[in-house]
Amino acid sequence: MQSQPASLTASARAQPETVALFVSDIHLQSGLPHTTQAFFDFLRAPAMQTRALYLLGDLFEYWAGDDDLADEYNMSVAQRIRAVSDAGVAVYWIGGNRDFLIGDAFAQAAGLQLLPDPSVVSVANRRVTITHGDAQCTDDTGYMKFREEVRHPDWQQRFLSMPLAQRKAIIAGMRSGSREAQRTKAYEIMDVNPSAIDALFTGTGSDVLIHGHTHRPARHVDAGGRERYVLPDWDCDAAVRRGGWIGINDAGGILRYDIDGRAVD
């Protein structure tokens, strides 16, 4: 077999390697089979070709507790993530507003490490702050009060002591109430607050922030040159498919990708 010219092989070696991927807001549920398959395809290809995978919350539409791992669908998701971990990719997790009750049992089943929200990670010599993003939506005072309540250890202990079926019924009521409340809220209220973002940058000393939650994918650059990347939500069961992820390569470059793996400007 004829070998490739030295110039071509050198060029191939010079191509930056993706070293970390970031994704959030998949909102997995058994009733969305195309979205589920798209996420499994992501795990089987792009996620297997990197060194670290960061799941930044709302992977599931809801999570009632780790005892729900007995559900066949939930276990299948954990097993697919575990396959990525078993292949040598470091997998990390930050809980979202819908699945913050994920705990050690799920982490063990999926082969991932739980991280606090927010966290600071070093990727390709870049200091990157990662968060789900809901804690920065401080203009939504009603939600912030609710968030403080359900994130309290005492509330979680009481909730998780209930039978699983009862927990799921309570969550269904919460989701219905949340959808109704969103219809009356101003668009801006449900976005991150600029002062909260500035405080996060200042407190972490990073110049790159990656988050999800708002479902408003974009790249923002402030006057100081600090970059904020917003991850997209996923829905491949709708008429128009949407989703995507963010990658950082070994040269420190940050790229946004759509649901088909194409680079986004």
Protein backbone atom coordinates (compact mmCIF):
# COMPACT_ATOMS: atom_id res chain seq x y z
CA MET A 1 0.00 0.00 0.00
CA GLN A 2 1.35 3.40 -0.99
CA SER A 3 2.18 5.62 1.99
CA GLN A 4 0.88 9.16 2.26
CA PRO A 5 3.25 12.06 1.51
CA ALA A 6 5.04 13.34 4.59
CA SER A 7 3.41 16.76 4.14
CA LEU A 8 -0.07 15.22 4.40
CA THR A 9 0.66 13.17 7.49
CA ALA A 10 2.28 16.17 9.16
CA SER A 11 -0.77 18.26 8.29
CA ALA A 12 -3.07 15.61 9.79
CA ARG A 13 -1.03 15.56 12.98
CA ALA A 14 -1.26 19.34 13.16
CA GLN A 15 -5.06 19.30 13.31
CA PRO A 16 -6.30 20.24 16.80
CA GLU A 17 -7.75 17.38 18.83
CA THR A 18 -11.01 17.84 20.69
CA VAL A 19 -10.24 17.24 24.36
CA ALA A 20 -13.56 18.13 26.06
CA LEU A 21 -17.24 18.20 25.15
CA PHE A 22 -20.05 19.99 26.98
CA VAL A 23 -23.75 19.24 26.64
CA SER A 24 -26.94 19.93 28.59
CA ASP A 25 -30.73 20.10 28.42
CA ILE A 26 -31.36 16.86 26.55
CA HIS A 27 -34.58 16.38 28.58
CA LEU A 28 -34.56 12.63 28.04
CA GLN A 29 -37.80 10.72 28.48
CA SER A 30 -39.14 7.51 27.01
CA GLY A 31 -41.80 9.43 25.08
CA LEU A 32 -39.12 11.12 22.94
CA PRO A 33 -37.50 8.19 21.09
CA HIS A 34 -35.77 10.28 18.40
CA THR A 35 -34.21 12.60 20.96
CA THR A 36 -33.08 9.57 22.95
CA GLN A 37 -31.51 7.98 19.87
CA ALA A 38 -29.77 11.24 18.93
CA PHE A 39 -28.20 11.39 22.38
CA PHE A 40 -27.14 7.75 22.18
CA ASP A 41 -25.58 8.50 18.77
CA PHE A 42 -23.71 11.42 20.34
CA LEU A 43 -22.39 9.14 23.07
CA ARG A 44 -21.35 6.49 20.56
CA ALA A 45 -19.39 8.84 18.26
CA PRO A 46 -18.30 12.35 19.34
CA ALA A 47 -18.20 11.52 23.06
CA MET A 48 -16.01 8.48 22.44
CA GLN A 49 -13.49 10.61 20.55
CA THR A 50 -12.66 13.07 23.31
CA ARG A 51 -10.93 12.95 26.69
CA ALA A 52 -13.61 14.48 28.92
CA LEU A 53 -17.37 14.78 28.72
CA TYR A 54 -19.24 17.32 30.85
CA LEU A 55 -23.00 16.85 31.33
CA LEU A 56 -24.32 20.17 32.61
CA GLY A 57 -27.78 19.27 33.83
CA ASP A 58 -31.30 18.49 32.67
CA LEU A 59 -30.12 15.35 30.98
CA PHE A 60 -33.50 13.96 32.07
CA GLU A 61 -36.87 15.65 31.85
CA TYR A 62 -37.16 14.85 35.56
CA TRP A 63 -35.44 12.66 38.16
CA ALA A 64 -37.41 11.45 41.17
CA GLY A 65 -34.50 9.74 42.92
CA ASP A 66 -31.84 7.14 42.29
CA ASP A 67 -34.22 4.30 43.12
CA ASP A 68 -35.77 5.08 39.73
CA LEU A 69 -32.71 3.41 38.19
CA ALA A 70 -34.85 0.27 38.33
CA ASP A 71 -36.75 1.74 35.39
CA GLU A 72 -35.51 0.10 32.18
CA TYR A 73 -35.28 3.37 30.26
CA ASN A 74 -33.32 5.16 32.99
CA MET A 75 -30.91 2.25 33.34
CA SER A 76 -30.36 2.18 29.57
CA VAL A 77 -29.25 5.83 29.71
CA ALA A 78 -26.88 5.11 32.60
CA GLN A 79 -25.43 2.14 30.73
CA ARG A 80 -24.80 4.19 27.57
CA ILE A 81 -22.96 6.81 29.60
CA ARG A 82 -21.04 4.06 31.40
CA ALA A 83 -19.83 2.76 28.03
CA VAL A 84 -18.20 6.15 27.39
CA SER A 85 -16.53 6.08 30.80
CA ASP A 86 -15.39 2.48 30.31
CA ALA A 87 -13.76 3.55 27.03
CA GLY A 88 -11.45 5.85 29.00
CA VAL A 89 -13.33 9.15 28.73
CA ALA A 90 -13.65 11.07 32.00
CA VAL A 91 -17.35 11.89 32.51
CA TYR A 92 -18.53 14.68 34.82
CA TRP A 93 -21.97 15.79 35.93
CA ILE A 94 -23.61 18.96 37.22
CA GLY A 95 -27.28 18.66 38.14
CA GLY A 96 -29.93 20.79 36.48
CA ASN A 97 -33.19 22.18 37.76
CA ARG A 98 -34.98 19.01 36.65
CA ASP A 99 -32.51 16.33 37.73
CA PHE A 100 -30.67 17.80 40.73
CA LEU A 101 -31.72 14.72 42.76
CA ILE A 102 -29.30 12.50 40.86
CA GLY A 103 -26.94 11.04 43.43
CA ASP A 104 -24.20 8.55 44.11
CA ALA A 105 -26.10 5.47 42.90
CA PHE A 106 -26.66 6.95 39.47
CA ALA A 107 -23.08 8.24 39.38
CA GLN A 108 -21.76 4.77 40.08
CA ALA A 109 -24.04 3.14 37.52
CA ALA A 110 -23.07 5.68 34.84
CA GLY A 111 -19.38 5.78 35.75
CA LEU A 112 -19.33 9.54 36.22
CA GLN A 113 -18.14 12.05 38.81
CA LEU A 114 -20.58 14.47 40.42
CA LEU A 115 -19.43 18.11 40.49
CA PRO A 116 -20.76 21.04 42.50
CA ASP A 117 -22.55 23.85 40.71
CA PRO A 118 -20.69 25.94 39.73
CA SER A 119 -17.29 24.33 39.14
CA VAL A 120 -14.06 25.52 37.57
CA VAL A 121 -12.18 23.13 35.31
CA SER A 122 -8.90 23.42 33.43
CA VAL A 123 -9.17 22.48 29.77
CA ALA A 124 -6.28 23.01 27.33
CA ASN A 125 -4.72 25.51 29.74
CA ARG A 126 -7.95 27.50 29.87
CA ARG A 127 -9.77 28.18 33.13
CA VAL A 128 -13.42 27.39 32.40
CA THR A 129 -16.38 27.90 34.71
CA ILE A 130 -19.25 25.46 34.19
CA THR A 131 -22.75 25.68 35.63
CA HIS A 132 -26.25 24.60 34.73
CA GLY A 133 -27.33 28.23 34.63
CA ASP A 134 -30.56 28.37 36.62
CA ALA A 135 -28.87 29.90 39.68
CA GLN A 136 -28.02 32.96 37.57
CA CYS A 137 -31.65 33.64 36.59
CA THR A 138 -32.01 35.89 39.62
CA ASP A 139 -34.68 38.14 38.08
CA ASP A 140 -37.12 35.24 38.36
CA THR A 141 -37.66 35.71 42.08
CA GLY A 142 -40.42 33.11 42.29
CA TYR A 143 -38.21 30.44 40.82
CA MET A 144 -35.23 31.44 42.98
CA LYS A 145 -37.34 31.01 46.12
CA PHE A 146 -38.49 27.59 44.90
CA ARG A 147 -34.91 26.63 44.01
CA GLU A 148 -33.67 27.51 47.47
CA GLU A 149 -36.38 25.35 49.04
CA VAL A 150 -35.86 22.20 46.98
CA ARG A 151 -32.06 22.37 47.13
CA HIS A 152 -32.12 22.34 50.93
CA PRO A 153 -30.93 18.99 52.36
CA ASP A 154 -33.89 18.76 54.76
CA TRP A 155 -36.41 19.15 51.91
CA GLN A 156 -34.60 16.55 49.84
CA GLN A 157 -34.44 14.09 52.72
CA ARG A 158 -38.19 14.41 53.31
CA PHE A 159 -38.98 14.15 49.62
CA LEU A 160 -36.80 11.10 49.00
CA SER A 161 -38.36 9.31 51.97
CA MET A 162 -41.70 9.26 50.13
CA PRO A 163 -42.72 6.32 47.92
CA LEU A 164 -41.46 6.66 44.36
CA ALA A 165 -44.95 6.82 42.86
CA GLN A 166 -45.87 9.68 45.20
CA ARG A 167 -42.69 11.56 44.27
CA LYS A 168 -43.47 11.21 40.58
CA ALA A 169 -46.99 12.52 41.11
CA ILE A 170 -45.63 15.56 42.99
CA ILE A 171 -43.10 16.21 40.21
CA ALA A 172 -45.84 15.99 37.57
CA GLY A 173 -47.76 18.67 39.45
CA MET A 174 -44.65 20.84 39.72
CA ARG A 175 -43.99 20.55 36.00
CA SER A 176 -47.57 21.50 35.16
CA GLY A 177 -47.36 24.51 37.47
CA SER A 178 -44.02 25.53 35.99
CA ARG A 179 -45.40 25.45 32.43
CA GLU A 180 -48.36 27.58 33.48
CA ALA A 181 -46.13 30.10 35.27
CA GLN A 182 -43.84 30.45 32.26
CA ARG A 183 -46.76 31.58 30.10
CA THR A 184 -47.13 34.73 32.19
CA LYS A 185 -43.45 35.56 32.72
CA ALA A 186 -41.59 38.13 30.65
CA TYR A 187 -39.01 36.67 28.28
CA GLU A 188 -36.14 38.54 29.94
CA ILE A 189 -37.00 37.32 33.45
CA MET A 190 -36.24 33.73 32.49
CA ASP A 191 -32.78 34.59 31.16
CA VAL A 192 -29.60 34.95 33.20
CA ASN A 193 -29.02 38.23 35.02
CA PRO A 194 -25.95 40.18 33.80
CA SER A 195 -24.88 41.06 37.33
CA ALA A 196 -25.10 37.40 38.38
CA ILE A 197 -22.94 36.43 35.40
CA ASP A 198 -20.41 39.14 36.22
CA ALA A 199 -20.27 37.95 39.83
CA LEU A 200 -19.66 34.39 38.65
CA PHE A 201 -16.80 35.48 36.39
CA THR A 202 -15.30 37.59 39.17
CA GLY A 203 -15.68 34.93 41.83
CA THR A 204 -14.09 32.17 39.77
CA GLY A 205 -11.39 34.23 38.06
CA SER A 206 -12.11 32.58 34.72
CA ASP A 207 -12.62 34.20 31.34
CA VAL A 208 -14.78 31.42 29.86
CA LEU A 209 -18.22 30.37 31.11
CA ILE A 210 -20.30 27.51 29.70
CA HIS A 211 -23.89 26.91 30.81
CA GLY A 212 -27.27 25.68 29.67
CA HIS A 213 -30.79 26.03 31.11
CA THR A 214 -32.05 29.04 29.13
CA HIS A 215 -32.39 27.18 25.79
CA ARG A 216 -30.90 30.23 24.04
CA PRO A 217 -27.71 28.95 22.40
CA ALA A 218 -25.21 31.70 21.70
CA ARG A 219 -21.71 33.04 22.25
CA HIS A 220 -21.52 36.28 24.21
CA VAL A 221 -18.36 38.39 24.68
CA ASP A 222 -18.35 41.20 27.24
CA ALA A 223 -16.34 44.41 27.23
CA GLY A 224 -13.49 42.68 29.05
CA GLY A 225 -13.24 39.93 26.44
CA ARG A 226 -14.77 37.27 28.69
CA GLU A 227 -16.69 34.63 26.74
CA ARG A 228 -20.03 33.11 27.76
CA TYR A 229 -21.29 30.12 25.80
CA VAL A 230 -24.90 28.97 26.13
CA LEU A 231 -25.69 25.36 25.26
CA PRO A 232 -28.80 24.45 23.23
CA ASP A 233 -31.62 22.24 24.41
CA TRP A 234 -32.42 19.08 22.43
CA ASP A 235 -35.62 18.01 20.70
CA CYS A 236 -35.36 15.63 17.77
CA ASP A 237 -39.00 14.58 17.95
CA ALA A 238 -40.25 17.99 16.80
CA ALA A 239 -40.80 18.91 13.15
CA VAL A 240 -37.49 20.81 13.18
CA ARG A 241 -34.69 18.95 15.00
CA ARG A 242 -32.55 20.94 17.41
CA GLY A 243 -29.67 20.30 19.76
CA GLY A 244 -25.90 20.39 19.83
CA TRP A 245 -22.85 20.68 22.02
CA ILE A 246 -19.65 22.63 22.63
CA GLY A 247 -16.11 21.34 22.18
CA ILE A 248 -12.71 22.61 23.26
CA ASN A 249 -9.63 21.44 21.37
CA ASP A 250 -6.06 21.01 22.59
CA ALA A 251 -5.14 24.42 21.18
CA GLY A 252 -7.74 26.05 23.45
CA GLY A 253 -10.18 26.73 20.62
CA ILE A 254 -13.88 26.62 21.49
CA LEU A 255 -16.38 25.45 18.87
CA ARG A 256 -20.16 25.16 18.89
CA TYR A 257 -21.80 22.23 17.07
CA ASP A 258 -25.37 21.63 15.93
CA ILE A 259 -27.30 18.39 16.35
CA ASP A 260 -25.66 16.93 13.22
CA GLY A 261 -22.15 17.70 14.42
CA ARG A 262 -21.61 20.67 12.12
CA ALA A 263 -19.64 23.65 13.44
CA VAL A 264 -21.80 26.69 14.21
CA ASP A 265 -20.48 30.21 13.75
